[in-house]
Amino acid sequence: MEKSFENALDELEIIVKELESGNVELDDAINKYTEAMKLVKFCNEKLNSATKQVNEILLENGKLQEFDVEKETGE
């Protein structure tokens, strides 16, 4: 099962807090930093994918259209 953006972001926040505490041994800090960079890459890819999907939804007749939630849902 693929990790969600939110889970990856939560993991990243935990790692950052651990590294900021200064109570991590050097080897562990390097491993945590490496894992954090993997999580950053994963989150960035997820955001880029979501942006692409949203742009494809909004793209009509070759022009980016404004999207009004209230108009679309009739509220």
PDB file of N, CA and C in Angstrom:
ATOM      1  N   MET A   1       0.835  -1.185   0.000  1.00  0.00           N
ATOM      2  CA  MET A   1       0.000   0.000   0.000  1.00  0.00           C
ATOM      3  C   MET A   1       0.879   1.248   0.000  1.00  0.00           C
ATOM      4  N   GLU A   2       0.534   2.188  -0.867  1.00  0.00           N
ATOM      5  CA  GLU A   2       1.333   3.402  -0.986  1.00  0.00           C
ATOM      6  C   GLU A   2       1.043   4.349   0.176  1.00  0.00           C
ATOM      7  N   LYS A   3       2.097   5.003   0.621  1.00  0.00           N
ATOM      8  CA  LYS A   3       2.003   5.963   1.714  1.00  0.00           C
ATOM      9  C   LYS A   3       1.238   7.203   1.244  1.00  0.00           C
ATOM     10  N   SER A   4       0.451   7.780   2.132  1.00  0.00           N
ATOM     11  CA  SER A   4      -0.272   8.992   1.778  1.00  0.00           C
ATOM     12  C   SER A   4       0.622  10.212   2.000  1.00  0.00           C
ATOM     13  N   PHE A   5       0.252  11.297   1.343  1.00  0.00           N
ATOM     14  CA  PHE A   5       0.969  12.566   1.511  1.00  0.00           C
ATOM     15  C   PHE A   5       0.961  12.971   2.981  1.00  0.00           C
ATOM     16  N   GLU A   6      -0.208  12.854   3.611  1.00  0.00           N
ATOM     17  CA  GLU A   6      -0.348  13.272   5.008  1.00  0.00           C
ATOM     18  C   GLU A   6       0.526  12.436   5.940  1.00  0.00           C
ATOM     19  N   ASN A   7       0.586  11.124   5.705  1.00  0.00           N
ATOM     20  CA  ASN A   7       1.443  10.267   6.539  1.00  0.00           C
ATOM     21  C   ASN A   7       2.912  10.632   6.358  1.00  0.00           C
ATOM     22  N   ALA A   8       3.311  10.865   5.113  1.00  0.00           N
ATOM     23  CA  ALA A   8       4.696  11.240   4.841  1.00  0.00           C
ATOM     24  C   ALA A   8       5.037  12.556   5.510  1.00  0.00           C
ATOM     25  N   LEU A   9       4.109  13.512   5.457  1.00  0.00           N
ATOM     26  CA  LEU A   9       4.340  14.810   6.084  1.00  0.00           C
ATOM     27  C   LEU A   9       4.452  14.674   7.599  1.00  0.00           C
ATOM     28  N   ASP A  10       3.612  13.827   8.194  1.00  0.00           N
ATOM     29  CA  ASP A  10       3.691  13.576   9.641  1.00  0.00           C
ATOM     30  C   ASP A  10       5.048  12.980  10.012  1.00  0.00           C
ATOM     31  N   GLU A  11       5.505  12.005   9.231  1.00  0.00           N
ATOM     32  CA  GLU A  11       6.805  11.382   9.481  1.00  0.00           C
ATOM     33  C   GLU A  11       7.923  12.415   9.368  1.00  0.00           C
ATOM     34  N   LEU A  12       7.817  13.268   8.367  1.00  0.00           N
ATOM     35  CA  LEU A  12       8.829  14.300   8.155  1.00  0.00           C
ATOM     36  C   LEU A  12       8.877  15.262   9.343  1.00  0.00           C
ATOM     37  N   GLU A  13       7.729  15.653   9.849  1.00  0.00           N
ATOM     38  CA  GLU A  13       7.676  16.554  11.006  1.00  0.00           C
ATOM     39  C   GLU A  13       8.322  15.919  12.235  1.00  0.00           C
ATOM     40  N   ILE A  14       8.093  14.620  12.430  1.00  0.00           N
ATOM     41  CA  ILE A  14       8.694  13.917  13.571  1.00  0.00           C
ATOM     42  C   ILE A  14      10.216  13.913  13.448  1.00  0.00           C
ATOM     43  N   ILE A  15      10.705  13.602  12.252  1.00  0.00           N
ATOM     44  CA  ILE A  15      12.154  13.568  12.031  1.00  0.00           C
ATOM     45  C   ILE A  15      12.765  14.945  12.267  1.00  0.00           C
ATOM     46  N   VAL A  16      12.113  15.978  11.756  1.00  0.00           N
ATOM     47  CA  VAL A  16      12.637  17.339  11.932  1.00  0.00           C
ATOM     48  C   VAL A  16      12.722  17.691  13.411  1.00  0.00           C
ATOM     49  N   LYS A  17      11.687  17.362  14.179  1.00  0.00           N
ATOM     50  CA  LYS A  17      11.700  17.649  15.618  1.00  0.00           C
ATOM     51  C   LYS A  17      12.830  16.894  16.310  1.00  0.00           C
ATOM     52  N   GLU A  18      13.050  15.628  15.913  1.00  0.00           N
ATOM     53  CA  GLU A  18      14.128  14.838  16.516  1.00  0.00           C
ATOM     54  C   GLU A  18      15.483  15.468  16.193  1.00  0.00           C
ATOM     55  N   LEU A  19      15.661  15.872  14.945  1.00  0.00           N
ATOM     56  CA  LEU A  19      16.940  16.469  14.552  1.00  0.00           C
ATOM     57  C   LEU A  19      17.150  17.823  15.227  1.00  0.00           C
ATOM     58  N   GLU A  20      16.081  18.600  15.355  1.00  0.00           N
ATOM     59  CA  GLU A  20      16.191  19.910  15.999  1.00  0.00           C
ATOM     60  C   GLU A  20      16.481  19.799  17.494  1.00  0.00           C
ATOM     61  N   SER A  21      16.119  18.678  18.093  1.00  0.00           N
ATOM     62  CA  SER A  21      16.348  18.508  19.535  1.00  0.00           C
ATOM     63  C   SER A  21      17.833  18.485  19.865  1.00  0.00           C
ATOM     64  N   GLY A  22      18.643  18.050  18.898  1.00  0.00           N
ATOM     65  CA  GLY A  22      20.083  17.975  19.139  1.00  0.00           C
ATOM     66  C   GLY A  22      20.499  16.771  19.959  1.00  0.00           C
ATOM     67  N   ASN A  23      19.567  15.887  20.266  1.00  0.00           N
ATOM     68  CA  ASN A  23      19.853  14.711  21.086  1.00  0.00           C
ATOM     69  C   ASN A  23      19.994  13.448  20.249  1.00  0.00           C
ATOM     70  N   VAL A  24      20.447  13.592  19.025  1.00  0.00           N
ATOM     71  CA  VAL A  24      20.581  12.462  18.112  1.00  0.00           C
ATOM     72  C   VAL A  24      22.061  12.267  17.793  1.00  0.00           C
ATOM     73  N   GLU A  25      22.517  11.016  17.906  1.00  0.00           N
ATOM     74  CA  GLU A  25      23.912  10.727  17.572  1.00  0.00           C
ATOM     75  C   GLU A  25      24.139  10.949  16.081  1.00  0.00           C
ATOM     76  N   LEU A  26      25.366  11.224  15.715  1.00  0.00           N
ATOM     77  CA  LEU A  26      25.704  11.599  14.345  1.00  0.00           C
ATOM     78  C   LEU A  26      25.228  10.577  13.317  1.00  0.00           C
ATOM     79  N   ASP A  27      25.526   9.301  13.525  1.00  0.00           N
ATOM     80  CA  ASP A  27      25.118   8.277  12.556  1.00  0.00           C
ATOM     81  C   ASP A  27      23.600   8.221  12.421  1.00  0.00           C
ATOM     82  N   ASP A  28      22.902   8.326  13.541  1.00  0.00           N
ATOM     83  CA  ASP A  28      21.446   8.316  13.516  1.00  0.00           C
ATOM     84  C   ASP A  28      20.916   9.575  12.824  1.00  0.00           C
ATOM     85  N   ALA A  29      21.568  10.698  13.070  1.00  0.00           N
ATOM     86  CA  ALA A  29      21.161  11.956  12.437  1.00  0.00           C
ATOM     87  C   ALA A  29      21.308  11.872  10.922  1.00  0.00           C
ATOM     88  N   ILE A  30      22.381  11.264  10.465  1.00  0.00           N
ATOM     89  CA  ILE A  30      22.591  11.105   9.017  1.00  0.00           C
ATOM     90  C   ILE A  30      21.493  10.229   8.426  1.00  0.00           C
ATOM     91  N   ASN A  31      21.168   9.128   9.116  1.00  0.00           N
ATOM     92  CA  ASN A  31      20.094   8.248   8.638  1.00  0.00           C
ATOM     93  C   ASN A  31      18.746   8.966   8.625  1.00  0.00           C
ATOM     94  N   LYS A  32      18.477   9.726   9.670  1.00  0.00           N
ATOM     95  CA  LYS A  32      17.218  10.462   9.744  1.00  0.00           C
ATOM     96  C   LYS A  32      17.159  11.531   8.655  1.00  0.00           C
ATOM     97  N   TYR A  33      18.271  12.203   8.406  1.00  0.00           N
ATOM     98  CA  TYR A  33      18.324  13.225   7.361  1.00  0.00           C
ATOM     99  C   TYR A  33      18.074  12.591   5.990  1.00  0.00           C
ATOM    100  N   THR A  34      18.670  11.441   5.755  1.00  0.00           N
ATOM    101  CA  THR A  34      18.470  10.731   4.490  1.00  0.00           C
ATOM    102  C   THR A  34      17.007  10.350   4.318  1.00  0.00           C
ATOM    103  N   GLU A  35      16.386   9.831   5.374  1.00  0.00           N
ATOM    104  CA  GLU A  35      14.968   9.477   5.315  1.00  0.00           C
ATOM    105  C   GLU A  35      14.110  10.718   5.094  1.00  0.00           C
ATOM    106  N   ALA A  36      14.469  11.813   5.752  1.00  0.00           N
ATOM    107  CA  ALA A  36      13.727  13.064   5.581  1.00  0.00           C
ATOM    108  C   ALA A  36      13.785  13.542   4.133  1.00  0.00           C
ATOM    109  N   MET A  37      14.935  13.422   3.503  1.00  0.00           N
ATOM    110  CA  MET A  37      15.064  13.860   2.108  1.00  0.00           C
ATOM    111  C   MET A  37      14.220  12.987   1.181  1.00  0.00           C
ATOM    112  N   LYS A  38      14.124  11.693   1.490  1.00  0.00           N
ATOM    113  CA  LYS A  38      13.252  10.800   0.710  1.00  0.00           C
ATOM    114  C   LYS A  38      11.795  11.219   0.869  1.00  0.00           C
ATOM    115  N   LEU A  39      11.408  11.573   2.092  1.00  0.00           N
ATOM    116  CA  LEU A  39      10.045  12.010   2.351  1.00  0.00           C
ATOM    117  C   LEU A  39       9.745  13.335   1.651  1.00  0.00           C
ATOM    118  N   VAL A  40      10.715  14.247   1.652  1.00  0.00           N
ATOM    119  CA  VAL A  40      10.542  15.523   0.952  1.00  0.00           C
ATOM    120  C   VAL A  40      10.329  15.274  -0.532  1.00  0.00           C
ATOM    121  N   LYS A  41      11.115  14.394  -1.109  1.00  0.00           N
ATOM    122  CA  LYS A  41      10.973  14.069  -2.535  1.00  0.00           C
ATOM    123  C   LYS A  41       9.597  13.467  -2.801  1.00  0.00           C
ATOM    124  N   PHE A  42       9.174  12.532  -1.962  1.00  0.00           N
ATOM    125  CA  PHE A  42       7.870  11.898  -2.113  1.00  0.00           C
ATOM    126  C   PHE A  42       6.750  12.943  -2.047  1.00  0.00           C
ATOM    127  N   CYS A  43       6.798  13.824  -1.038  1.00  0.00           N
ATOM    128  CA  CYS A  43       5.767  14.855  -0.885  1.00  0.00           C
ATOM    129  C   CYS A  43       5.761  15.803  -2.081  1.00  0.00           C
ATOM    130  N   ASN A  44       6.928  16.182  -2.545  1.00  0.00           N
ATOM    131  CA  ASN A  44       7.032  17.067  -3.702  1.00  0.00           C
ATOM    132  C   ASN A  44       6.415  16.425  -4.940  1.00  0.00           C
ATOM    133  N   GLU A  45       6.689  15.145  -5.148  1.00  0.00           N
ATOM    134  CA  GLU A  45       6.119  14.438  -6.293  1.00  0.00           C
ATOM    135  C   GLU A  45       4.600  14.354  -6.185  1.00  0.00           C
ATOM    136  N   LYS A  46       4.093  14.111  -4.961  1.00  0.00           N
ATOM    137  CA  LYS A  46       2.643  14.050  -4.750  1.00  0.00           C
ATOM    138  C   LYS A  46       2.001  15.409  -5.048  1.00  0.00           C
ATOM    139  N   LEU A  47       2.630  16.489  -4.572  1.00  0.00           N
ATOM    140  CA  LEU A  47       2.093  17.819  -4.814  1.00  0.00           C
ATOM    141  C   LEU A  47       2.114  18.163  -6.302  1.00  0.00           C
ATOM    142  N   ASN A  48       3.202  17.820  -6.980  1.00  0.00           N
ATOM    143  CA  ASN A  48       3.283  18.074  -8.418  1.00  0.00           C
ATOM    144  C   ASN A  48       2.208  17.307  -9.172  1.00  0.00           C
ATOM    145  N   SER A  49       1.973  16.071  -8.767  1.00  0.00           N
ATOM    146  CA  SER A  49       0.943  15.256  -9.400  1.00  0.00           C
ATOM    147  C   SER A  49      -0.442  15.849  -9.159  1.00  0.00           C
ATOM    148  N   ALA A  50      -0.693  16.279  -7.933  1.00  0.00           N
ATOM    149  CA  ALA A  50      -1.989  16.875  -7.607  1.00  0.00           C
ATOM    150  C   ALA A  50      -2.199  18.172  -8.385  1.00  0.00           C
ATOM    151  N   THR A  51      -1.156  18.968  -8.499  1.00  0.00           N
ATOM    152  CA  THR A  51      -1.237  20.214  -9.263  1.00  0.00           C
ATOM    153  C   THR A  51      -1.554  19.926 -10.719  1.00  0.00           C
ATOM    154  N   LYS A  52      -0.894  18.920 -11.274  1.00  0.00           N
ATOM    155  CA  LYS A  52      -1.149  18.542 -12.665  1.00  0.00           C
ATOM    156  C   LYS A  52      -2.596  18.097 -12.847  1.00  0.00           C
ATOM    157  N   GLN A  53      -3.106  17.293 -11.914  1.00  0.00           N
ATOM    158  CA  GLN A  53      -4.486  16.816 -12.003  1.00  0.00           C
ATOM    159  C   GLN A  53      -5.477  17.970 -11.926  1.00  0.00           C
ATOM    160  N   VAL A  54      -5.240  18.899 -11.010  1.00  0.00           N
ATOM    161  CA  VAL A  54      -6.128  20.048 -10.866  1.00  0.00           C
ATOM    162  C   VAL A  54      -6.096  20.895 -12.132  1.00  0.00           C
ATOM    163  N   ASN A  55      -4.911  21.127 -12.673  1.00  0.00           N
ATOM    164  CA  ASN A  55      -4.800  21.911 -13.898  1.00  0.00           C
ATOM    165  C   ASN A  55      -5.510  21.238 -15.058  1.00  0.00           C
ATOM    166  N   GLU A  56      -5.439  19.916 -15.129  1.00  0.00           N
ATOM    167  CA  GLU A  56      -6.136  19.194 -16.193  1.00  0.00           C
ATOM    168  C   GLU A  56      -7.648  19.329 -16.036  1.00  0.00           C
ATOM    169  N   ILE A  57      -8.128  19.330 -14.803  1.00  0.00           N
ATOM    170  CA  ILE A  57      -9.554  19.488 -14.557  1.00  0.00           C
ATOM    171  C   ILE A  57     -10.005  20.895 -14.964  1.00  0.00           C
ATOM    172  N   LEU A  58      -9.178  21.882 -14.649  1.00  0.00           N
ATOM    173  CA  LEU A  58      -9.550  23.269 -14.913  1.00  0.00           C
ATOM    174  C   LEU A  58      -9.331  23.686 -16.362  1.00  0.00           C
ATOM    175  N   LEU A  59      -8.542  22.907 -17.097  1.00  0.00           N
ATOM    176  CA  LEU A  59      -8.212  23.268 -18.465  1.00  0.00           C
ATOM    177  C   LEU A  59      -9.370  22.919 -19.395  1.00  0.00           C
ATOM    178  N   GLU A  60      -9.898  23.936 -20.056  1.00  0.00           N
ATOM    179  CA  GLU A  60     -11.006  23.714 -20.977  1.00  0.00           C
ATOM    180  C   GLU A  60     -10.782  24.616 -22.183  1.00  0.00           C
ATOM    181  N   ASN A  61     -10.878  24.055 -23.381  1.00  0.00           N
ATOM    182  CA  ASN A  61     -10.673  24.812 -24.617  1.00  0.00           C
ATOM    183  C   ASN A  61      -9.309  25.488 -24.653  1.00  0.00           C
ATOM    184  N   GLY A  62      -8.327  24.860 -24.052  1.00  0.00           N
ATOM    185  CA  GLY A  62      -6.971  25.402 -24.088  1.00  0.00           C
ATOM    186  C   GLY A  62      -6.737  26.567 -23.156  1.00  0.00           C
ATOM    187  N   LYS A  63      -7.716  26.893 -22.316  1.00  0.00           N
ATOM    188  CA  LYS A  63      -7.571  28.017 -21.387  1.00  0.00           C
ATOM    189  C   LYS A  63      -7.855  27.544 -19.973  1.00  0.00           C
ATOM    190  N   LEU A  64      -7.111  28.088 -19.034  1.00  0.00           N
ATOM    191  CA  LEU A  64      -7.339  27.780 -17.632  1.00  0.00           C
ATOM    192  C   LEU A  64      -8.573  28.549 -17.177  1.00  0.00           C
ATOM    193  N   GLN A  65      -9.553  27.824 -16.682  1.00  0.00           N
ATOM    194  CA  GLN A  65     -10.814  28.434 -16.274  1.00  0.00           C
ATOM    195  C   GLN A  65     -10.838  28.606 -14.761  1.00  0.00           C
ATOM    196  N   GLU A  66     -11.480  29.672 -14.312  1.00  0.00           N
ATOM    197  CA  GLU A  66     -11.693  29.852 -12.884  1.00  0.00           C
ATOM    198  C   GLU A  66     -12.647  28.760 -12.404  1.00  0.00           C
ATOM    199  N   PHE A  67     -12.421  28.262 -11.219  1.00  0.00           N
ATOM    200  CA  PHE A  67     -13.276  27.219 -10.660  1.00  0.00           C
ATOM    201  C   PHE A  67     -13.934  27.776  -9.418  1.00  0.00           C
ATOM    202  N   ASP A  68     -15.239  27.881  -9.450  1.00  0.00           N
ATOM    203  CA  ASP A  68     -16.006  28.412  -8.333  1.00  0.00           C
ATOM    204  C   ASP A  68     -16.790  27.264  -7.705  1.00  0.00           C
ATOM    205  N   VAL A  69     -16.409  26.879  -6.506  1.00  0.00           N
ATOM    206  CA  VAL A  69     -17.037  25.735  -5.833  1.00  0.00           C
ATOM    207  C   VAL A  69     -18.529  25.977  -5.675  1.00  0.00           C
ATOM    208  N   GLU A  70     -18.921  27.187  -5.320  1.00  0.00           N
ATOM    209  CA  GLU A  70     -20.335  27.475  -5.104  1.00  0.00           C
ATOM    210  C   GLU A  70     -21.138  27.308  -6.377  1.00  0.00           C
ATOM    211  N   LYS A  71     -20.599  27.755  -7.512  1.00  0.00           N
ATOM    212  CA  LYS A  71     -21.302  27.593  -8.792  1.00  0.00           C
ATOM    213  C   LYS A  71     -21.426  26.124  -9.153  1.00  0.00           C
ATOM    214  N   GLU A  72     -20.356  25.380  -8.954  1.00  0.00           N
ATOM    215  CA  GLU A  72     -20.324  23.964  -9.333  1.00  0.00           C
ATOM    216  C   GLU A  72     -21.264  23.114  -8.495  1.00  0.00           C
ATOM    217  N   THR A  73     -21.419  23.469  -7.223  1.00  0.00           N
ATOM    218  CA  THR A  73     -22.265  22.666  -6.337  1.00  0.00           C
ATOM    219  C   THR A  73     -23.657  23.249  -6.200  1.00  0.00           C
ATOM    220  N   GLY A  74     -23.874  24.436  -6.760  1.00  0.00           N
ATOM    221  CA  GLY A  74     -25.181  25.060  -6.699  1.00  0.00           C
ATOM    222  C   GLY A  74     -25.530  25.667  -5.365  1.00  0.00           C
ATOM    223  N   GLU A  75     -24.529  25.912  -4.524  1.00  0.00           N
ATOM    224  CA  GLU A  75     -24.781  26.494  -3.194  1.00  0.00           C
ATOM    225  C   GLU A  75     -24.826  28.001  -3.267  1.00  0.00           C
TER     226      GLU A  75
END
